Amino acid sequence: MAELLTTINDTIWSTPLVMLFLAAGIFFTLRTGLIQVLGLPDFFRQIRREKASQDGLSPFQTLMVSMAARVGIGNIAGVATAIAFGGPGAVFWMWVMGFLGAATSFIECTLAQIYKERDPETGQYRGGPAFYIEKAYAHTKAAPILKILALVVAAIHAIATIFFLPSMQANGIANAVTTVWHLDARLIGLILALLLAVIVVGGIQRIAQFASFIVPFMASTYIIIALIIMLSHATRIPEVCELIFKSAFGKEEIFAGITGSAFAWGIRRGVYSNEAGQGNGAMFAGSAEVSHPVKQGFVQAVSVYVDTLLVCSATAFIIISTDMFNVYSSTDASGNTPLLYHGALGDNTPAGPNYVQAGLDTFIAGTGPAFVAIAICFFGFTSAVACYYLAETNLSFLLRSGVKRRGYGTQLPRVAAPFSQRISFSRRIAQGTIIAAMFIGATSTPGAAWLLGDIGMGSLAWFNLIIIVALHRVVITALKDYRLQRAQGLDPQFHPKKLGIKNAEFWVGWRGYKRRF
């Protein structure tokens, strides 16, 4: 069974999907006119000016919740593994994927805002892949087929984020803590489950409050520690940068034979880490309170930068500047993986968090394991918390059938009691399941859970990338409208009917206001 799942996973996440991510990023960068660079001033404007409401989150809150999901254990272990099998050049290709992924994130997150709706029970905003897959073509003959596809996407996403992904994060946390402090995994699982329960029962508002407090602290602390390590090896920084660029293009002799591996590992790690194109960020974007969908697109594009260009880079520079890494070449005919480059580590040091631990130990001996374990606890737990919101969003989509959706400016309809009871019960089941998943993940070998989670997210990535490429013209129309209003000195407001955008019912009835900058 494990071999079959491995084969399926390797097939889904093979070169065609990786190249689709890369091609989509290039395409969206060109179509939006380098939005991930030219849109940065607008990002800072949204963070300063836009506020939350009882129905929607502020841009800052959605940025933090999105960062909670993006910044996970892979930002430590995954980056180290990419360097081990792709060499320092893998870091360059991670940067490329982060830059291009920002444009992809802009597209999918703007779509999530355009086609968002109110939750029929809570009144909170919901959006994401399932919503825009169903709504964008609701006026066409393809509507029945896409409705089914949307339900499938929502179901897969709900299952993955309720059980598989949280259990993976819990397992990583438990392994790190038991290795360093030798605590009982059952105690760790119980603590994780209780902490998660306290947060998720409070819904999206409590999740947002938690993320807004924890994420800036954990990300900034990790980056500051990385900067301290880099400064302690300041004379090596130019050499490290040169090594990364040369290795990426085969100009560094020792790594010339693995240029292809550097590309493959770097692109794949960038995709895994920043999640641009997989639809997760789009669901957080759909919860925001904004007057124009493009505003949230700017915010989520920057979240990709923070994940890849800051947090992943921090890990990479800790490892490379201290020379605490080994690089392995491709597996040979005998099944062995020859050592290509021997850094300051022992020959048998496993690729992963050990590289970061060793790098930190060069600054203060003995602190590396504890610091990395604490970082993994923060990164993994915040990702698990964010998973619950993703699960709840998809459950809302699956259970809302038959409830009439209303526009932005209209009163939320009274939900029939049977429906309200059904969806409330389903949310309680989801909360119980994700809490149980944390305990199970911490106390057992993940086994198939890792593979099933990867298979689910890879399948969703295929669907989502194809759909957002097909729908990108809607985003370009909204972007042109935004730029036109900004050129007139106005705070842009979104009126889909004026732009010829159909099925964006949420925005019908929107009564914007004209505010000059």
Foldseek 3Di string as FASTA:
>chain_A
DLVVLVVLLCVLLDDVLLVLLLVLLVVLCVLQVNCLPVVQVLLVVQQPPFQADQAFHGLLLLLLLLLLQQQAQCLFFLLLVLCQAQNLLLLVLLVSSLSSLLSLLLLQQLLQQLQWFALLQRRHIWGWDLRSQQQQCCVDPCNVVSNVVSLVLLVLLLVLLLFLQLLQLLQLLLVLCCVPPVDALLVSLLVLLVVLLVQPVVPPVSLSVVSSPQVVVLLVVLLVLLVVLCVVLVVCVVVSVVRNVCLCCLNDPLNNVNNVSSNVSSSSSSCSRLVRLLILSNGSSRRHDAQASSSSSNSSSVSSCSRSVGSSVSSSSLQVSQQQGWYWYDQDPVRDTHTRGDTPDDPPDDRGLVSNLVSSCVVPNPCSSVVSSVSNVSSSSSSSSSSLNSSLSSLSVNLCPPPDTAAQQDDSDDDDPVSNVVSVVVSVVSSVSSSVSSSDSSNDDSRCSNSSSSSSSSVSSVVRSVVSVVVSVVVSLSSVQCVVLVVVQWRDGDDCVVSVRPSSRHHVVPDDDTDGD
